[in-house]
N, C-alpha and C. Protein backbone atom coordinates (compact mmCIF):
# COMPACT_ATOMS: atom_id res chain seq x y z
N MET A 1 -84.61 -32.93 13.07
CA MET A 1 -85.35 -32.77 14.32
C MET A 1 -84.46 -33.16 15.49
N GLY A 2 -84.49 -32.34 16.54
CA GLY A 2 -83.67 -32.63 17.69
C GLY A 2 -84.03 -33.96 18.32
N ALA A 3 -83.03 -34.72 18.73
CA ALA A 3 -83.27 -36.07 19.23
C ALA A 3 -84.12 -36.08 20.49
N ASP A 4 -84.07 -35.02 21.28
CA ASP A 4 -84.74 -35.01 22.57
C ASP A 4 -86.08 -34.29 22.54
N VAL A 5 -86.48 -33.74 21.41
CA VAL A 5 -87.71 -32.95 21.34
C VAL A 5 -88.74 -33.69 20.52
N ARG A 6 -89.96 -33.81 21.06
CA ARG A 6 -91.07 -34.41 20.33
C ARG A 6 -92.04 -33.30 19.94
N VAL A 7 -92.74 -33.50 18.83
CA VAL A 7 -93.70 -32.50 18.35
C VAL A 7 -95.05 -33.18 18.11
N VAL A 8 -96.09 -32.64 18.74
CA VAL A 8 -97.46 -33.10 18.52
C VAL A 8 -98.21 -32.00 17.79
N GLY A 9 -98.85 -32.36 16.68
CA GLY A 9 -99.67 -31.41 15.94
C GLY A 9 -101.14 -31.75 16.10
N ILE A 10 -101.96 -30.74 16.38
CA ILE A 10 -103.39 -30.95 16.58
C ILE A 10 -104.14 -30.07 15.59
N ALA A 11 -104.92 -30.70 14.71
CA ALA A 11 -105.70 -29.97 13.72
C ALA A 11 -107.17 -30.38 13.82
N GLY A 12 -108.01 -29.65 13.08
CA GLY A 12 -109.46 -29.92 13.08
C GLY A 12 -110.19 -28.65 12.74
N GLY A 13 -111.49 -28.74 12.65
CA GLY A 13 -112.29 -27.59 12.27
C GLY A 13 -112.29 -26.49 13.32
N SER A 14 -112.75 -25.31 12.91
CA SER A 14 -112.88 -24.19 13.83
C SER A 14 -113.79 -24.55 14.99
N CYS A 15 -113.29 -24.36 16.20
CA CYS A 15 -114.04 -24.64 17.44
C CYS A 15 -114.38 -26.12 17.62
N ALA A 16 -113.55 -26.99 17.05
CA ALA A 16 -113.74 -28.43 17.25
C ALA A 16 -113.27 -28.88 18.63
N GLY A 17 -112.37 -28.09 19.25
CA GLY A 17 -111.83 -28.47 20.54
C GLY A 17 -110.32 -28.64 20.54
N LYS A 18 -109.65 -28.13 19.51
CA LYS A 18 -108.19 -28.27 19.39
C LYS A 18 -107.45 -27.59 20.54
N THR A 19 -107.78 -26.33 20.78
CA THR A 19 -107.07 -25.56 21.81
C THR A 19 -107.37 -26.11 23.19
N THR A 20 -108.61 -26.54 23.41
CA THR A 20 -108.96 -27.16 24.70
C THR A 20 -108.10 -28.39 24.94
N LEU A 21 -107.92 -29.20 23.90
CA LEU A 21 -107.10 -30.40 24.03
C LEU A 21 -105.63 -30.04 24.23
N ALA A 22 -105.13 -29.08 23.45
CA ALA A 22 -103.73 -28.67 23.57
C ALA A 22 -103.43 -28.14 24.97
N ARG A 23 -104.34 -27.34 25.50
CA ARG A 23 -104.13 -26.78 26.84
C ARG A 23 -104.25 -27.85 27.92
N ALA A 24 -105.13 -28.81 27.72
CA ALA A 24 -105.24 -29.90 28.69
C ALA A 24 -103.97 -30.74 28.70
N LEU A 25 -103.39 -30.95 27.53
CA LEU A 25 -102.13 -31.69 27.45
C LEU A 25 -101.00 -30.90 28.10
N ALA A 26 -100.97 -29.59 27.84
CA ALA A 26 -99.94 -28.74 28.45
C ALA A 26 -100.10 -28.69 29.97
N GLU A 27 -101.34 -28.66 30.43
CA GLU A 27 -101.58 -28.62 31.87
C GLU A 27 -101.13 -29.92 32.53
N ARG A 28 -101.38 -31.04 31.87
CA ARG A 28 -101.00 -32.34 32.43
C ARG A 28 -99.48 -32.48 32.53
N LEU A 29 -98.77 -32.03 31.49
CA LEU A 29 -97.33 -32.25 31.43
C LEU A 29 -96.50 -31.07 31.93
N GLY A 30 -97.18 -29.95 32.20
CA GLY A 30 -96.53 -28.82 32.86
C GLY A 30 -95.34 -28.26 32.11
N ASP A 31 -94.22 -28.12 32.79
CA ASP A 31 -93.03 -27.47 32.25
C ASP A 31 -92.37 -28.25 31.11
N ALA A 32 -92.86 -29.45 30.83
CA ALA A 32 -92.29 -30.23 29.73
C ALA A 32 -92.80 -29.75 28.37
N VAL A 33 -93.85 -28.89 28.37
CA VAL A 33 -94.54 -28.54 27.13
C VAL A 33 -94.36 -27.08 26.74
N THR A 34 -94.13 -26.85 25.44
CA THR A 34 -94.26 -25.53 24.83
C THR A 34 -95.47 -25.58 23.91
N TYR A 35 -96.41 -24.65 24.11
CA TYR A 35 -97.63 -24.61 23.31
C TYR A 35 -97.50 -23.54 22.24
N LEU A 36 -97.55 -23.96 20.97
CA LEU A 36 -97.39 -23.07 19.83
C LEU A 36 -98.69 -23.02 19.04
N ALA A 37 -99.37 -21.88 19.08
CA ALA A 37 -100.68 -21.74 18.44
C ALA A 37 -100.53 -21.12 17.05
N PHE A 38 -100.98 -21.83 16.02
CA PHE A 38 -100.93 -21.32 14.65
C PHE A 38 -101.80 -20.06 14.51
N ASP A 39 -102.81 -19.92 15.35
CA ASP A 39 -103.70 -18.75 15.32
C ASP A 39 -102.95 -17.43 15.54
N GLU A 40 -101.81 -17.49 16.19
CA GLU A 40 -101.05 -16.26 16.44
C GLU A 40 -100.32 -15.77 15.19
N TYR A 41 -100.32 -16.58 14.15
CA TYR A 41 -99.52 -16.27 12.97
C TYR A 41 -100.33 -15.75 11.78
N TYR A 42 -101.53 -15.23 12.06
CA TYR A 42 -102.27 -14.58 10.98
C TYR A 42 -101.48 -13.35 10.52
N ARG A 43 -101.52 -13.12 9.22
CA ARG A 43 -100.81 -11.96 8.67
C ARG A 43 -101.51 -10.67 9.10
N ASP A 44 -100.73 -9.61 9.23
CA ASP A 44 -101.27 -8.32 9.64
C ASP A 44 -102.07 -7.69 8.49
N HIS A 45 -103.23 -7.13 8.83
CA HIS A 45 -104.07 -6.48 7.82
C HIS A 45 -104.29 -5.01 8.14
N GLY A 46 -103.31 -4.42 8.82
CA GLY A 46 -103.41 -3.01 9.19
C GLY A 46 -103.44 -2.06 8.01
N HIS A 47 -102.98 -2.53 6.84
CA HIS A 47 -102.97 -1.68 5.65
C HIS A 47 -104.35 -1.59 5.00
N LEU A 48 -105.30 -2.42 5.46
CA LEU A 48 -106.65 -2.41 4.92
C LEU A 48 -107.59 -1.61 5.82
N THR A 49 -108.69 -1.14 5.24
CA THR A 49 -109.71 -0.49 6.07
C THR A 49 -110.44 -1.57 6.87
N ILE A 50 -111.18 -1.13 7.90
CA ILE A 50 -111.95 -2.07 8.71
C ILE A 50 -112.91 -2.87 7.82
N GLU A 51 -113.54 -2.20 6.87
CA GLU A 51 -114.49 -2.87 5.99
C GLU A 51 -113.79 -3.90 5.12
N GLU A 52 -112.59 -3.55 4.62
CA GLU A 52 -111.84 -4.49 3.78
C GLU A 52 -111.36 -5.69 4.57
N ARG A 53 -110.99 -5.47 5.83
CA ARG A 53 -110.53 -6.58 6.67
C ARG A 53 -111.63 -7.61 6.88
N ALA A 54 -112.86 -7.13 6.95
CA ALA A 54 -113.99 -8.03 7.17
C ALA A 54 -114.23 -8.95 5.98
N LEU A 55 -113.70 -8.57 4.81
CA LEU A 55 -113.91 -9.35 3.60
C LEU A 55 -112.80 -10.36 3.32
N VAL A 56 -111.72 -10.29 4.10
CA VAL A 56 -110.60 -11.22 3.91
C VAL A 56 -111.04 -12.64 4.29
N ASN A 57 -110.60 -13.62 3.50
CA ASN A 57 -110.87 -15.01 3.84
C ASN A 57 -109.78 -15.51 4.79
N TYR A 58 -110.10 -15.52 6.07
CA TYR A 58 -109.14 -15.91 7.10
C TYR A 58 -109.01 -17.43 7.21
N ASP A 59 -109.79 -18.15 6.43
CA ASP A 59 -109.73 -19.61 6.46
C ASP A 59 -108.96 -20.17 5.27
N ASN A 60 -108.24 -19.30 4.58
CA ASN A 60 -107.37 -19.70 3.48
C ASN A 60 -105.93 -19.72 3.98
N LEU A 61 -105.15 -20.64 3.48
CA LEU A 61 -103.77 -20.78 3.95
C LEU A 61 -102.95 -19.51 3.76
N ASP A 62 -103.27 -18.73 2.73
CA ASP A 62 -102.54 -17.50 2.46
C ASP A 62 -102.67 -16.47 3.58
N SER A 63 -103.69 -16.61 4.42
CA SER A 63 -103.92 -15.63 5.48
C SER A 63 -102.97 -15.83 6.66
N LEU A 64 -102.23 -16.94 6.65
CA LEU A 64 -101.33 -17.26 7.75
C LEU A 64 -99.87 -17.17 7.32
N ASP A 65 -99.04 -16.68 8.23
CA ASP A 65 -97.60 -16.54 7.99
C ASP A 65 -96.94 -17.88 8.30
N HIS A 66 -97.16 -18.85 7.41
CA HIS A 66 -96.66 -20.19 7.69
C HIS A 66 -95.14 -20.27 7.60
N GLU A 67 -94.51 -19.34 6.86
CA GLU A 67 -93.05 -19.32 6.80
C GLU A 67 -92.45 -19.03 8.19
N LEU A 68 -93.02 -18.02 8.87
CA LEU A 68 -92.53 -17.68 10.21
C LEU A 68 -92.87 -18.80 11.20
N PHE A 69 -94.05 -19.38 11.05
CA PHE A 69 -94.45 -20.48 11.95
C PHE A 69 -93.47 -21.65 11.83
N LEU A 70 -93.14 -22.03 10.61
CA LEU A 70 -92.19 -23.14 10.41
C LEU A 70 -90.82 -22.80 10.98
N GLN A 71 -90.40 -21.56 10.79
CA GLN A 71 -89.11 -21.14 11.34
C GLN A 71 -89.12 -21.26 12.86
N HIS A 72 -90.20 -20.80 13.48
CA HIS A 72 -90.29 -20.87 14.94
C HIS A 72 -90.37 -22.32 15.43
N LEU A 73 -91.10 -23.15 14.71
CA LEU A 73 -91.17 -24.56 15.09
C LEU A 73 -89.79 -25.20 15.04
N ASP A 74 -89.07 -24.93 13.97
CA ASP A 74 -87.71 -25.48 13.84
C ASP A 74 -86.78 -24.94 14.93
N ASP A 75 -86.93 -23.66 15.26
CA ASP A 75 -86.11 -23.08 16.32
C ASP A 75 -86.37 -23.76 17.66
N LEU A 76 -87.64 -23.98 17.98
CA LEU A 76 -87.99 -24.63 19.26
C LEU A 76 -87.44 -26.05 19.31
N VAL A 77 -87.55 -26.77 18.20
CA VAL A 77 -87.03 -28.13 18.16
C VAL A 77 -85.50 -28.14 18.31
N ALA A 78 -84.86 -27.09 17.80
CA ALA A 78 -83.40 -26.98 17.91
C ALA A 78 -82.95 -26.43 19.26
N GLY A 79 -83.92 -26.09 20.13
CA GLY A 79 -83.57 -25.61 21.46
C GLY A 79 -83.42 -24.12 21.59
N ARG A 80 -83.95 -23.37 20.61
CA ARG A 80 -83.85 -21.91 20.64
C ARG A 80 -85.19 -21.27 20.99
N PRO A 81 -85.21 -20.27 21.87
CA PRO A 81 -86.47 -19.57 22.17
C PRO A 81 -86.92 -18.75 20.97
N VAL A 82 -88.22 -18.46 20.91
CA VAL A 82 -88.78 -17.68 19.79
C VAL A 82 -89.65 -16.55 20.34
N GLU A 83 -89.83 -15.53 19.50
CA GLU A 83 -90.71 -14.41 19.82
C GLU A 83 -91.97 -14.53 18.96
N VAL A 84 -93.04 -14.99 19.57
CA VAL A 84 -94.29 -15.25 18.86
C VAL A 84 -95.08 -13.95 18.72
N PRO A 85 -95.59 -13.64 17.52
CA PRO A 85 -96.41 -12.43 17.38
C PRO A 85 -97.70 -12.55 18.18
N VAL A 86 -98.22 -11.42 18.61
CA VAL A 86 -99.49 -11.38 19.33
C VAL A 86 -100.53 -10.76 18.40
N TYR A 87 -101.56 -11.52 18.08
CA TYR A 87 -102.56 -11.10 17.10
C TYR A 87 -103.84 -10.68 17.78
N ASP A 88 -104.42 -9.58 17.31
CA ASP A 88 -105.67 -9.06 17.85
C ASP A 88 -106.80 -9.43 16.89
N PHE A 89 -107.63 -10.37 17.30
CA PHE A 89 -108.69 -10.86 16.42
C PHE A 89 -109.82 -9.85 16.25
N ALA A 90 -109.93 -8.91 17.15
CA ALA A 90 -110.98 -7.90 17.03
C ALA A 90 -110.67 -6.91 15.91
N THR A 91 -109.37 -6.62 15.71
CA THR A 91 -108.96 -5.64 14.69
C THR A 91 -108.34 -6.29 13.45
N HIS A 92 -108.07 -7.61 13.52
CA HIS A 92 -107.39 -8.34 12.44
C HIS A 92 -105.99 -7.80 12.19
N CYS A 93 -105.31 -7.40 13.26
CA CYS A 93 -103.96 -6.85 13.14
C CYS A 93 -103.05 -7.48 14.19
N ARG A 94 -101.78 -7.56 13.85
CA ARG A 94 -100.79 -7.93 14.86
C ARG A 94 -100.55 -6.72 15.76
N THR A 95 -100.36 -6.98 17.02
CA THR A 95 -100.00 -5.91 17.94
C THR A 95 -98.50 -5.67 17.82
N ASP A 96 -98.00 -4.65 18.52
CA ASP A 96 -96.57 -4.40 18.49
C ASP A 96 -95.83 -5.20 19.56
N GLN A 97 -96.53 -6.14 20.17
CA GLN A 97 -95.93 -6.98 21.21
C GLN A 97 -95.61 -8.36 20.66
N THR A 98 -94.71 -9.05 21.33
CA THR A 98 -94.45 -10.45 21.06
C THR A 98 -94.45 -11.20 22.39
N ARG A 99 -94.51 -12.51 22.30
CA ARG A 99 -94.52 -13.34 23.49
C ARG A 99 -93.39 -14.36 23.36
N THR A 100 -92.52 -14.43 24.36
CA THR A 100 -91.38 -15.34 24.30
C THR A 100 -91.81 -16.76 24.66
N LEU A 101 -91.47 -17.70 23.79
CA LEU A 101 -91.68 -19.12 24.07
C LEU A 101 -90.32 -19.78 24.24
N GLU A 102 -90.17 -20.48 25.35
CA GLU A 102 -88.93 -21.20 25.61
C GLU A 102 -89.05 -22.63 25.09
N PRO A 103 -87.95 -23.20 24.59
CA PRO A 103 -87.99 -24.59 24.11
C PRO A 103 -88.19 -25.56 25.28
N ARG A 104 -88.94 -26.61 25.01
CA ARG A 104 -89.19 -27.67 25.98
C ARG A 104 -89.05 -29.01 25.27
N VAL A 105 -89.16 -30.09 26.03
CA VAL A 105 -88.97 -31.42 25.42
C VAL A 105 -90.15 -31.84 24.55
N LEU A 106 -91.32 -31.18 24.74
CA LEU A 106 -92.48 -31.47 23.90
C LEU A 106 -93.06 -30.17 23.38
N VAL A 107 -93.19 -30.05 22.07
CA VAL A 107 -93.86 -28.91 21.45
C VAL A 107 -95.25 -29.38 21.03
N VAL A 108 -96.28 -28.67 21.49
CA VAL A 108 -97.67 -28.95 21.09
C VAL A 108 -98.13 -27.80 20.23
N ALA A 109 -98.40 -28.08 18.96
CA ALA A 109 -98.85 -27.06 18.02
C ALA A 109 -100.28 -27.36 17.60
N ASP A 110 -101.11 -26.31 17.53
CA ASP A 110 -102.47 -26.54 17.05
C ASP A 110 -102.89 -25.46 16.07
N GLY A 111 -103.83 -25.83 15.20
CA GLY A 111 -104.33 -24.88 14.21
C GLY A 111 -105.28 -25.55 13.23
N ILE A 112 -106.25 -24.79 12.77
CA ILE A 112 -107.23 -25.32 11.82
C ILE A 112 -106.54 -25.88 10.58
N LEU A 113 -105.63 -25.10 10.02
CA LEU A 113 -105.00 -25.45 8.75
C LEU A 113 -103.61 -26.07 8.92
N LEU A 114 -103.33 -26.52 10.12
CA LEU A 114 -101.97 -26.98 10.45
C LEU A 114 -101.46 -28.04 9.49
N PHE A 115 -102.28 -29.04 9.19
CA PHE A 115 -101.80 -30.16 8.37
C PHE A 115 -101.75 -29.81 6.89
N ALA A 116 -102.36 -28.69 6.50
CA ALA A 116 -102.37 -28.29 5.09
C ALA A 116 -101.09 -27.54 4.71
N VAL A 117 -100.30 -27.15 5.70
CA VAL A 117 -99.05 -26.43 5.42
C VAL A 117 -97.98 -27.41 4.97
N PRO A 118 -97.42 -27.24 3.78
CA PRO A 118 -96.36 -28.14 3.33
C PRO A 118 -95.20 -28.16 4.33
N GLY A 119 -94.79 -29.35 4.69
CA GLY A 119 -93.66 -29.50 5.60
C GLY A 119 -94.03 -29.71 7.05
N ILE A 120 -95.26 -29.36 7.44
CA ILE A 120 -95.62 -29.49 8.86
C ILE A 120 -95.67 -30.95 9.28
N THR A 121 -96.42 -31.77 8.54
CA THR A 121 -96.59 -33.16 8.99
C THR A 121 -95.26 -33.91 9.02
N ASP A 122 -94.32 -33.48 8.18
CA ASP A 122 -92.98 -34.10 8.20
C ASP A 122 -92.26 -33.85 9.51
N ARG A 123 -92.65 -32.80 10.21
CA ARG A 123 -91.98 -32.41 11.44
C ARG A 123 -92.67 -32.98 12.69
N LEU A 124 -93.76 -33.69 12.51
CA LEU A 124 -94.54 -34.16 13.65
C LEU A 124 -94.18 -35.59 14.05
N ASP A 125 -94.14 -35.80 15.35
CA ASP A 125 -94.02 -37.16 15.87
C ASP A 125 -95.39 -37.81 16.03
N LEU A 126 -96.42 -36.97 16.19
CA LEU A 126 -97.79 -37.47 16.32
C LEU A 126 -98.75 -36.42 15.77
N SER A 127 -99.62 -36.83 14.85
CA SER A 127 -100.63 -35.93 14.31
C SER A 127 -102.00 -36.34 14.85
N VAL A 128 -102.71 -35.36 15.41
CA VAL A 128 -104.00 -35.62 16.06
C VAL A 128 -105.06 -34.77 15.37
N PHE A 129 -106.13 -35.42 14.91
CA PHE A 129 -107.24 -34.71 14.30
C PHE A 129 -108.40 -34.71 15.27
N VAL A 130 -108.90 -33.51 15.59
CA VAL A 130 -110.02 -33.37 16.52
C VAL A 130 -111.30 -33.22 15.70
N ASP A 131 -112.21 -34.15 15.88
CA ASP A 131 -113.45 -34.20 15.11
C ASP A 131 -114.62 -33.72 15.96
N ALA A 132 -115.52 -32.96 15.35
CA ALA A 132 -116.75 -32.52 16.03
C ALA A 132 -117.78 -32.18 14.96
N PRO A 133 -119.06 -32.40 15.23
CA PRO A 133 -120.10 -32.10 14.24
C PRO A 133 -120.13 -30.61 13.88
N GLU A 134 -120.50 -30.32 12.65
CA GLU A 134 -120.51 -28.93 12.19
C GLU A 134 -121.44 -28.06 13.04
N GLU A 135 -122.58 -28.60 13.44
CA GLU A 135 -123.53 -27.82 14.24
C GLU A 135 -122.90 -27.38 15.56
N LEU A 136 -122.14 -28.27 16.18
CA LEU A 136 -121.49 -27.94 17.44
C LEU A 136 -120.39 -26.92 17.22
N ARG A 137 -119.61 -27.07 16.15
CA ARG A 137 -118.54 -26.12 15.87
C ARG A 137 -119.09 -24.72 15.60
N LEU A 138 -120.20 -24.65 14.88
CA LEU A 138 -120.81 -23.34 14.61
C LEU A 138 -121.33 -22.72 15.89
N ALA A 139 -122.01 -23.49 16.73
CA ALA A 139 -122.56 -22.96 17.99
C ALA A 139 -121.45 -22.44 18.89
N ARG A 140 -120.36 -23.18 18.97
CA ARG A 140 -119.23 -22.74 19.79
C ARG A 140 -118.60 -21.47 19.22
N ARG A 141 -118.52 -21.39 17.89
CA ARG A 141 -117.90 -20.21 17.27
C ARG A 141 -118.76 -18.97 17.48
N VAL A 142 -120.06 -19.10 17.37
CA VAL A 142 -120.95 -17.97 17.62
C VAL A 142 -120.75 -17.47 19.05
N TYR A 143 -120.75 -18.40 19.99
CA TYR A 143 -120.58 -18.02 21.40
C TYR A 143 -119.24 -17.34 21.63
N ARG A 144 -118.17 -17.91 21.10
CA ARG A 144 -116.82 -17.35 21.30
C ARG A 144 -116.67 -15.98 20.66
N ASP A 145 -117.10 -15.87 19.42
CA ASP A 145 -116.84 -14.62 18.68
C ASP A 145 -117.68 -13.46 19.20
N ILE A 146 -118.86 -13.73 19.71
CA ILE A 146 -119.66 -12.67 20.34
C ILE A 146 -118.99 -12.22 21.63
N ARG A 147 -118.55 -13.21 22.41
CA ARG A 147 -118.00 -12.91 23.74
C ARG A 147 -116.60 -12.32 23.68
N GLU A 148 -115.74 -12.83 22.77
CA GLU A 148 -114.33 -12.45 22.79
C GLU A 148 -113.91 -11.52 21.66
N ARG A 149 -114.68 -11.46 20.58
CA ARG A 149 -114.21 -10.74 19.40
C ARG A 149 -115.16 -9.65 18.93
N GLY A 150 -116.19 -9.36 19.71
CA GLY A 150 -117.07 -8.25 19.41
C GLY A 150 -117.91 -8.41 18.16
N ARG A 151 -118.20 -9.65 17.77
CA ARG A 151 -118.97 -9.90 16.55
C ARG A 151 -120.45 -10.09 16.89
N THR A 152 -121.28 -10.04 15.86
CA THR A 152 -122.69 -10.37 16.02
C THR A 152 -122.92 -11.81 15.59
N ALA A 153 -124.01 -12.40 16.08
CA ALA A 153 -124.32 -13.78 15.69
C ALA A 153 -124.51 -13.89 14.18
N GLU A 154 -125.16 -12.89 13.61
CA GLU A 154 -125.42 -12.90 12.16
C GLU A 154 -124.12 -12.88 11.36
N SER A 155 -123.15 -12.05 11.78
CA SER A 155 -121.90 -11.96 11.04
C SER A 155 -121.10 -13.26 11.16
N VAL A 156 -121.15 -13.89 12.33
CA VAL A 156 -120.42 -15.14 12.53
C VAL A 156 -121.03 -16.24 11.66
N GLN A 157 -122.35 -16.31 11.66
CA GLN A 157 -123.03 -17.34 10.85
C GLN A 157 -122.77 -17.13 9.36
N ALA A 158 -122.76 -15.86 8.93
CA ALA A 158 -122.51 -15.56 7.51
C ALA A 158 -121.09 -15.95 7.12
N GLN A 159 -120.12 -15.63 7.99
CA GLN A 159 -118.73 -15.99 7.71
C GLN A 159 -118.55 -17.50 7.68
N PHE A 160 -119.21 -18.18 8.60
CA PHE A 160 -119.10 -19.64 8.66
C PHE A 160 -119.60 -20.26 7.35
N ALA A 161 -120.72 -19.77 6.86
CA ALA A 161 -121.29 -20.31 5.62
C ALA A 161 -120.45 -19.95 4.40
N ALA A 162 -119.90 -18.73 4.39
CA ALA A 162 -119.19 -18.24 3.21
C ALA A 162 -117.79 -18.80 3.08
N THR A 163 -117.05 -18.89 4.19
CA THR A 163 -115.65 -19.29 4.11
C THR A 163 -115.25 -20.44 5.03
N VAL A 164 -115.78 -20.45 6.26
CA VAL A 164 -115.31 -21.45 7.24
C VAL A 164 -115.68 -22.87 6.81
N ALA A 165 -116.95 -23.10 6.50
CA ALA A 165 -117.38 -24.45 6.12
C ALA A 165 -116.76 -24.91 4.80
N PRO A 166 -116.74 -24.07 3.74
CA PRO A 166 -116.09 -24.51 2.49
C PRO A 166 -114.60 -24.79 2.67
N SER A 167 -113.90 -23.95 3.46
CA SER A 167 -112.47 -24.16 3.68
C SER A 167 -112.22 -25.43 4.48
N TYR A 168 -113.13 -25.75 5.41
CA TYR A 168 -113.01 -27.00 6.16
C TYR A 168 -113.02 -28.19 5.20
N ARG A 169 -113.93 -28.16 4.25
CA ARG A 169 -114.04 -29.28 3.31
C ARG A 169 -112.82 -29.37 2.40
N LEU A 170 -112.20 -28.23 2.09
CA LEU A 170 -111.05 -28.20 1.18
C LEU A 170 -109.71 -28.45 1.87
N PHE A 171 -109.51 -27.82 3.04
CA PHE A 171 -108.17 -27.75 3.64
C PHE A 171 -108.03 -28.46 4.99
N VAL A 172 -109.13 -28.96 5.53
CA VAL A 172 -109.05 -29.57 6.86
C VAL A 172 -109.49 -31.04 6.81
N GLN A 173 -110.72 -31.26 6.41
CA GLN A 173 -111.28 -32.61 6.40
C GLN A 173 -110.44 -33.63 5.63
N PRO A 174 -109.82 -33.25 4.49
CA PRO A 174 -109.03 -34.25 3.76
C PRO A 174 -107.86 -34.85 4.55
N TYR A 175 -107.43 -34.17 5.61
CA TYR A 175 -106.28 -34.65 6.39
C TYR A 175 -106.70 -35.52 7.57
N ARG A 176 -108.01 -35.71 7.72
CA ARG A 176 -108.51 -36.53 8.83
C ARG A 176 -107.98 -37.96 8.75
N GLU A 177 -108.15 -38.57 7.58
CA GLU A 177 -107.83 -39.99 7.45
C GLU A 177 -106.34 -40.28 7.58
N GLY A 178 -105.50 -39.32 7.21
CA GLY A 178 -104.06 -39.56 7.29
C GLY A 178 -103.46 -39.27 8.65
N SER A 179 -104.27 -38.83 9.60
CA SER A 179 -103.76 -38.49 10.93
C SER A 179 -103.45 -39.75 11.73
N ASP A 180 -102.48 -39.64 12.63
CA ASP A 180 -102.12 -40.78 13.47
C ASP A 180 -103.24 -41.13 14.44
N LEU A 181 -103.97 -40.12 14.86
CA LEU A 181 -105.00 -40.31 15.88
C LEU A 181 -106.17 -39.38 15.57
N VAL A 182 -107.38 -39.93 15.49
CA VAL A 182 -108.60 -39.14 15.32
C VAL A 182 -109.39 -39.24 16.61
N VAL A 183 -109.69 -38.08 17.21
CA VAL A 183 -110.34 -38.05 18.51
C VAL A 183 -111.56 -37.14 18.45
N THR A 184 -112.42 -37.27 19.45
CA THR A 184 -113.59 -36.42 19.51
C THR A 184 -113.29 -35.12 20.25
N GLY A 185 -113.89 -34.04 19.77
CA GLY A 185 -113.76 -32.76 20.45
C GLY A 185 -114.93 -32.48 21.37
N GLU A 186 -115.73 -33.48 21.61
CA GLU A 186 -116.87 -33.35 22.52
C GLU A 186 -116.51 -33.95 23.88
N GLY A 187 -116.96 -33.30 24.94
CA GLY A 187 -116.77 -33.88 26.26
C GLY A 187 -115.41 -33.62 26.87
N ASP A 188 -115.09 -34.40 27.88
CA ASP A 188 -113.89 -34.24 28.69
C ASP A 188 -112.64 -34.59 27.87
N PRO A 189 -111.67 -33.68 27.78
CA PRO A 189 -110.47 -33.98 26.99
C PRO A 189 -109.47 -34.89 27.71
N ARG A 190 -109.67 -35.15 28.99
CA ARG A 190 -108.65 -35.88 29.74
C ARG A 190 -108.39 -37.31 29.24
N PRO A 191 -109.42 -38.06 28.85
CA PRO A 191 -109.13 -39.40 28.29
C PRO A 191 -108.32 -39.31 26.99
N VAL A 192 -108.54 -38.25 26.20
CA VAL A 192 -107.78 -38.06 24.97
C VAL A 192 -106.33 -37.74 25.30
N VAL A 193 -106.13 -36.92 26.34
CA VAL A 193 -104.77 -36.62 26.79
C VAL A 193 -104.05 -37.90 27.19
N ASP A 194 -104.74 -38.78 27.89
CA ASP A 194 -104.16 -40.06 28.28
C ASP A 194 -103.71 -40.85 27.05
N GLU A 195 -104.54 -40.85 26.01
CA GLU A 195 -104.23 -41.60 24.80
C GLU A 195 -103.02 -41.00 24.08
N ILE A 196 -102.94 -39.68 24.04
CA ILE A 196 -101.81 -39.02 23.39
C ILE A 196 -100.51 -39.35 24.13
N ILE A 197 -100.55 -39.25 25.44
CA ILE A 197 -99.35 -39.56 26.24
C ILE A 197 -98.92 -40.99 26.04
N ALA A 198 -99.90 -41.91 25.95
CA ALA A 198 -99.57 -43.33 25.71
C ALA A 198 -98.90 -43.51 24.35
N ARG A 199 -99.37 -42.76 23.36
CA ARG A 199 -98.79 -42.86 22.01
C ARG A 199 -97.35 -42.34 21.99
N LEU A 200 -97.06 -41.36 22.84
CA LEU A 200 -95.72 -40.77 22.87
C LEU A 200 -94.73 -41.58 23.68
N ALA A 201 -95.24 -42.48 24.49
CA ALA A 201 -94.37 -43.25 25.39
C ALA A 201 -93.44 -44.17 24.61
């Protein structure tokens, strides 16, 4: 790991408040931060029909290109820019575009399954678990997926029951106790940002 680069990893359940916290931290520290979202690294499912894509378990580690994510994380820590894939959640496909991320002194990475990827926690200077009640996470997910991803409330609730909640118990919750910092995903993220900055000092 580069001597001058710190890495903060933020994990937790779907819609627990990870991205809100990551963005609040990036906003506070400005140009010092590179924000790396694990959500952008879902594997492309363009070879499947629309119906088949709907049946994929997107809450399983196999659904994410963790090899590319680790490579990009290592590149950023080494001071090299990366080309992050742009994923379309409405179609479950990667677009033909990429987004350039420049290296900064602090890399903030977030993702539901972030801590379940072998090798990730070894690369972190601080691991943060965002906790929120299941009822709140489901309500937020229904609202988001209807508004941003063209889903119905019924389909979101069915997916949550079938894959999201079981995967949380298997691949997310077990990493709560081993995290450096467990914080709430409810309410104003600014006090949590203060705590993270204090831990990095």
